[in-house]
């Protein structure tokens, strides 16, 4: 085969440092648009994006040539520059969560990402993230899960 054909969709979740509410609702649409542009320019298509004041969800189509850690680093580094222009001292947390998404779960995942306000009426970021770790069977040390 002369080419690599992949279908790597990944739901990436990361928060602001110390989960501070730095992503004000009035900045979210511009930030989401900016991150979509980052993905387009860097060859990591953003299929859906959403979040709250203290965290973000991004569904990406990870190409065969870009490692996941590199894709997340590109998104976080470039978007943090954008945020610092609009919010003083804003930083992302060090880590992230990344969860594979199969073709049959695409529509539900996109809806989930776009409906963050609705979901967070019932639970906060910490509860949500721990639920993802449990659902996907990710082993973690609670001491470091929210650095």
C-alpha atoms as a PDB file:
ATOM      1  CA  UNK A   1       0.000   0.000   0.000  1.00  0.00           C
ATOM      2  CA  UNK A   2       1.475   3.349  -1.013  1.00  0.00           C
ATOM      3  CA  UNK A   3      -0.357   5.518   1.500  1.00  0.00           C
ATOM      4  CA  UNK A   4      -1.443   5.511   5.129  1.00  0.00           C
ATOM      5  CA  UNK A   5      -5.188   5.614   5.582  1.00  0.00           C
ATOM      6  CA  UNK A   6      -6.366   6.293   9.125  1.00  0.00           C
ATOM      7  CA  UNK A   7      -9.471   7.161  11.067  1.00  0.00           C
ATOM      8  CA  UNK A   8      -8.192   8.496  14.389  1.00  0.00           C
ATOM      9  CA  UNK A   9     -10.798  10.636  16.108  1.00  0.00           C
ATOM     10  CA  UNK A  10      -9.849  11.727  19.600  1.00  0.00           C
ATOM     11  CA  UNK A  11     -11.892  13.606  22.210  1.00  0.00           C
ATOM     12  CA  UNK A  12      -9.377  15.767  24.071  1.00  0.00           C
ATOM     13  CA  UNK A  13     -10.229  17.438  27.388  1.00  0.00           C
ATOM     14  CA  UNK A  14      -8.082  19.886  29.332  1.00  0.00           C
ATOM     15  CA  UNK A  15      -8.683  22.607  31.873  1.00  0.00           C
ATOM     16  CA  UNK A  16      -7.323  25.954  32.833  1.00  0.00           C
ATOM     17  CA  UNK A  17      -4.605  25.950  35.465  1.00  0.00           C
ATOM     18  CA  UNK A  18      -6.182  25.236  38.857  1.00  0.00           C
ATOM     19  CA  UNK A  19      -9.529  25.197  37.013  1.00  0.00           C
ATOM     20  CA  UNK A  20      -9.808  28.936  37.233  1.00  0.00           C
ATOM     21  CA  UNK A  21     -12.775  30.392  35.316  1.00  0.00           C
ATOM     22  CA  UNK A  22     -10.653  32.280  32.783  1.00  0.00           C
ATOM     23  CA  UNK A  23     -12.601  31.464  29.610  1.00  0.00           C
ATOM     24  CA  UNK A  24     -15.412  34.002  29.926  1.00  0.00           C
ATOM     25  CA  UNK A  25     -18.538  33.213  27.891  1.00  0.00           C
ATOM     26  CA  UNK A  26     -18.032  36.357  25.803  1.00  0.00           C
ATOM     27  CA  UNK A  27     -14.615  35.024  24.663  1.00  0.00           C
ATOM     28  CA  UNK A  28     -15.597  31.402  24.042  1.00  0.00           C
ATOM     29  CA  UNK A  29     -16.908  31.695  20.475  1.00  0.00           C
ATOM     30  CA  UNK A  30     -13.786  33.586  19.399  1.00  0.00           C
ATOM     31  CA  UNK A  31     -11.522  31.076  21.154  1.00  0.00           C
ATOM     32  CA  UNK A  32     -13.320  28.117  19.581  1.00  0.00           C
ATOM     33  CA  UNK A  33     -13.018  29.723  16.128  1.00  0.00           C
ATOM     34  CA  UNK A  34      -9.330  30.405  16.751  1.00  0.00           C
ATOM     35  CA  UNK A  35      -8.677  26.787  17.781  1.00  0.00           C
ATOM     36  CA  UNK A  36     -10.488  25.517  14.677  1.00  0.00           C
ATOM     37  CA  UNK A  37      -8.123  27.737  12.651  1.00  0.00           C
ATOM     38  CA  UNK A  38      -5.096  26.343  14.499  1.00  0.00           C
ATOM     39  CA  UNK A  39      -6.188  22.827  13.606  1.00  0.00           C
ATOM     40  CA  UNK A  40      -6.738  23.736   9.963  1.00  0.00           C
ATOM     41  CA  UNK A  41      -3.361  25.469   9.669  1.00  0.00           C
ATOM     42  CA  UNK A  42      -1.455  22.671  11.415  1.00  0.00           C
ATOM     43  CA  UNK A  43      -3.174  19.752   9.676  1.00  0.00           C
ATOM     44  CA  UNK A  44      -5.126  18.560  12.717  1.00  0.00           C
ATOM     45  CA  UNK A  45      -8.806  19.061  11.816  1.00  0.00           C
ATOM     46  CA  UNK A  46     -11.092  20.110  14.671  1.00  0.00           C
ATOM     47  CA  UNK A  47     -14.428  18.336  14.261  1.00  0.00           C
ATOM     48  CA  UNK A  48     -16.146  19.815  17.335  1.00  0.00           C
ATOM     49  CA  UNK A  49     -15.269  22.181  20.144  1.00  0.00           C
ATOM     50  CA  UNK A  50     -16.928  23.403  23.302  1.00  0.00           C
ATOM     51  CA  UNK A  51     -16.359  23.966  26.953  1.00  0.00           C
ATOM     52  CA  UNK A  52     -16.950  26.051  30.003  1.00  0.00           C
ATOM     53  CA  UNK A  53     -15.131  28.819  31.822  1.00  0.00           C
ATOM     54  CA  UNK A  54     -12.602  26.355  33.289  1.00  0.00           C
ATOM     55  CA  UNK A  55     -12.116  23.654  30.632  1.00  0.00           C
ATOM     56  CA  UNK A  56     -12.365  22.734  26.983  1.00  0.00           C
ATOM     57  CA  UNK A  57     -13.386  19.727  24.884  1.00  0.00           C
ATOM     58  CA  UNK A  58     -11.946  19.317  21.389  1.00  0.00           C
ATOM     59  CA  UNK A  59     -12.724  16.488  18.980  1.00  0.00           C
ATOM     60  CA  UNK A  60      -9.856  16.165  16.529  1.00  0.00           C
ATOM     61  CA  UNK A  61      -9.149  14.003  13.505  1.00  0.00           C
ATOM     62  CA  UNK A  62      -5.601  12.939  14.228  1.00  0.00           C
ATOM     63  CA  UNK A  63      -3.623  12.388  11.007  1.00  0.00           C
ATOM     64  CA  UNK A  64      -1.210   9.469  10.678  1.00  0.00           C
ATOM     65  CA  UNK A  65       1.778  11.829  10.711  1.00  0.00           C
ATOM     66  CA  UNK A  66       1.032  13.716  13.950  1.00  0.00           C
ATOM     67  CA  UNK A  67       1.444  12.131  17.397  1.00  0.00           C
ATOM     68  CA  UNK A  68      -1.367  12.884  19.856  1.00  0.00           C
ATOM     69  CA  UNK A  69       0.919  14.695  22.320  1.00  0.00           C
ATOM     70  CA  UNK A  70       2.160  16.971  19.512  1.00  0.00           C
ATOM     71  CA  UNK A  71      -1.392  17.771  18.374  1.00  0.00           C
ATOM     72  CA  UNK A  72      -2.460  18.701  21.898  1.00  0.00           C
ATOM     73  CA  UNK A  73       0.703  20.755  22.425  1.00  0.00           C
ATOM     74  CA  UNK A  74       0.005  22.685  19.204  1.00  0.00           C
ATOM     75  CA  UNK A  75      -3.558  23.456  20.266  1.00  0.00           C
ATOM     76  CA  UNK A  76      -2.684  24.402  23.838  1.00  0.00           C
ATOM     77  CA  UNK A  77       0.369  26.533  23.013  1.00  0.00           C
ATOM     78  CA  UNK A  78      -1.286  28.526  20.261  1.00  0.00           C
ATOM     79  CA  UNK A  79      -4.602  28.989  22.063  1.00  0.00           C
ATOM     80  CA  UNK A  80      -2.885  30.111  25.266  1.00  0.00           C
ATOM     81  CA  UNK A  81      -1.311  32.963  23.309  1.00  0.00           C
ATOM     82  CA  UNK A  82      -4.769  33.960  22.132  1.00  0.00           C
ATOM     83  CA  UNK A  83      -6.152  33.780  25.674  1.00  0.00           C
ATOM     84  CA  UNK A  84      -3.361  35.914  27.102  1.00  0.00           C
ATOM     85  CA  UNK A  85      -4.371  38.656  24.675  1.00  0.00           C
ATOM     86  CA  UNK A  86      -7.878  38.632  26.187  1.00  0.00           C
ATOM     87  CA  UNK A  87      -7.440  37.286  29.737  1.00  0.00           C
ATOM     88  CA  UNK A  88      -4.471  38.173  31.924  1.00  0.00           C
ATOM     89  CA  UNK A  89      -2.274  35.348  33.221  1.00  0.00           C
ATOM     90  CA  UNK A  90      -4.389  32.590  31.688  1.00  0.00           C
ATOM     91  CA  UNK A  91      -2.702  29.193  31.438  1.00  0.00           C
ATOM     92  CA  UNK A  92      -3.774  25.645  30.646  1.00  0.00           C
ATOM     93  CA  UNK A  93      -3.152  22.794  33.074  1.00  0.00           C
ATOM     94  CA  UNK A  94      -0.107  20.653  32.303  1.00  0.00           C
ATOM     95  CA  UNK A  95      -1.909  17.478  31.300  1.00  0.00           C
ATOM     96  CA  UNK A  96      -4.966  16.426  29.347  1.00  0.00           C
ATOM     97  CA  UNK A  97      -7.326  13.544  28.828  1.00  0.00           C
ATOM     98  CA  UNK A  98      -7.688  11.926  25.410  1.00  0.00           C
ATOM     99  CA  UNK A  99     -10.308   9.361  24.506  1.00  0.00           C
ATOM    100  CA  UNK A 100     -10.753   7.532  21.203  1.00  0.00           C
ATOM    101  CA  UNK A 101     -14.077   7.938  19.423  1.00  0.00           C
ATOM    102  CA  UNK A 102     -15.400   5.281  17.065  1.00  0.00           C
ATOM    103  CA  UNK A 103     -17.420   6.093  13.977  1.00  0.00           C
ATOM    104  CA  UNK A 104     -20.674   4.989  15.603  1.00  0.00           C
ATOM    105  CA  UNK A 105     -20.145   7.425  18.505  1.00  0.00           C
ATOM    106  CA  UNK A 106     -19.297  10.503  16.419  1.00  0.00           C
ATOM    107  CA  UNK A 107     -22.715  12.176  16.451  1.00  0.00           C
ATOM    108  CA  UNK A 108     -23.215  11.639  20.193  1.00  0.00           C
ATOM    109  CA  UNK A 109     -19.716  12.924  20.956  1.00  0.00           C
ATOM    110  CA  UNK A 110     -20.208  16.053  18.852  1.00  0.00           C
ATOM    111  CA  UNK A 111     -23.545  16.736  20.555  1.00  0.00           C
ATOM    112  CA  UNK A 112     -21.954  16.199  23.980  1.00  0.00           C
ATOM    113  CA  UNK A 113     -19.122  18.611  23.230  1.00  0.00           C
ATOM    114  CA  UNK A 114     -21.463  21.287  21.880  1.00  0.00           C
ATOM    115  CA  UNK A 115     -23.851  20.961  24.855  1.00  0.00           C
ATOM    116  CA  UNK A 116     -21.445  21.619  27.698  1.00  0.00           C
ATOM    117  CA  UNK A 117     -23.664  24.183  29.485  1.00  0.00           C
ATOM    118  CA  UNK A 118     -26.439  21.612  29.694  1.00  0.00           C
ATOM    119  CA  UNK A 119     -24.151  18.860  31.008  1.00  0.00           C
ATOM    120  CA  UNK A 120     -22.598  21.074  33.659  1.00  0.00           C
ATOM    121  CA  UNK A 121     -25.924  21.914  35.204  1.00  0.00           C
ATOM    122  CA  UNK A 122     -25.709  18.402  36.686  1.00  0.00           C
ATOM    123  CA  UNK A 123     -21.996  17.952  37.460  1.00  0.00           C
ATOM    124  CA  UNK A 124     -18.768  19.929  37.621  1.00  0.00           C
ATOM    125  CA  UNK A 125     -15.596  19.403  35.622  1.00  0.00           C
ATOM    126  CA  UNK A 126     -13.986  17.115  38.174  1.00  0.00           C
ATOM    127  CA  UNK A 127     -16.974  14.753  38.257  1.00  0.00           C
ATOM    128  CA  UNK A 128     -17.190  14.810  34.467  1.00  0.00           C
ATOM    129  CA  UNK A 129     -13.488  14.037  33.976  1.00  0.00           C
ATOM    130  CA  UNK A 130     -13.478  11.218  36.532  1.00  0.00           C
ATOM    131  CA  UNK A 131     -16.492   9.725  34.763  1.00  0.00           C
ATOM    132  CA  UNK A 132     -14.544   9.720  31.469  1.00  0.00           C
ATOM    133  CA  UNK A 133     -11.558   8.023  33.114  1.00  0.00           C
ATOM    134  CA  UNK A 134     -13.815   5.352  34.586  1.00  0.00           C
ATOM    135  CA  UNK A 135     -15.803   4.801  31.363  1.00  0.00           C
ATOM    136  CA  UNK A 136     -12.616   4.355  29.323  1.00  0.00           C
ATOM    137  CA  UNK A 137     -10.846   2.232  31.941  1.00  0.00           C
ATOM    138  CA  UNK A 138      -7.973   4.665  32.440  1.00  0.00           C
ATOM    139  CA  UNK A 139      -5.794   3.975  35.481  1.00  0.00           C
ATOM    140  CA  UNK A 140      -4.785   7.164  37.242  1.00  0.00           C
ATOM    141  CA  UNK A 141      -3.362   8.442  40.487  1.00  0.00           C
ATOM    142  CA  UNK A 142      -5.914  10.815  42.070  1.00  0.00           C
ATOM    143  CA  UNK A 143      -3.005  12.809  43.475  1.00  0.00           C
ATOM    144  CA  UNK A 144      -2.019  13.864  39.945  1.00  0.00           C
ATOM    145  CA  UNK A 145      -5.289  13.690  37.999  1.00  0.00           C
ATOM    146  CA  UNK A 146      -5.946  17.408  38.294  1.00  0.00           C
ATOM    147  CA  UNK A 147      -2.497  19.027  38.149  1.00  0.00           C
END
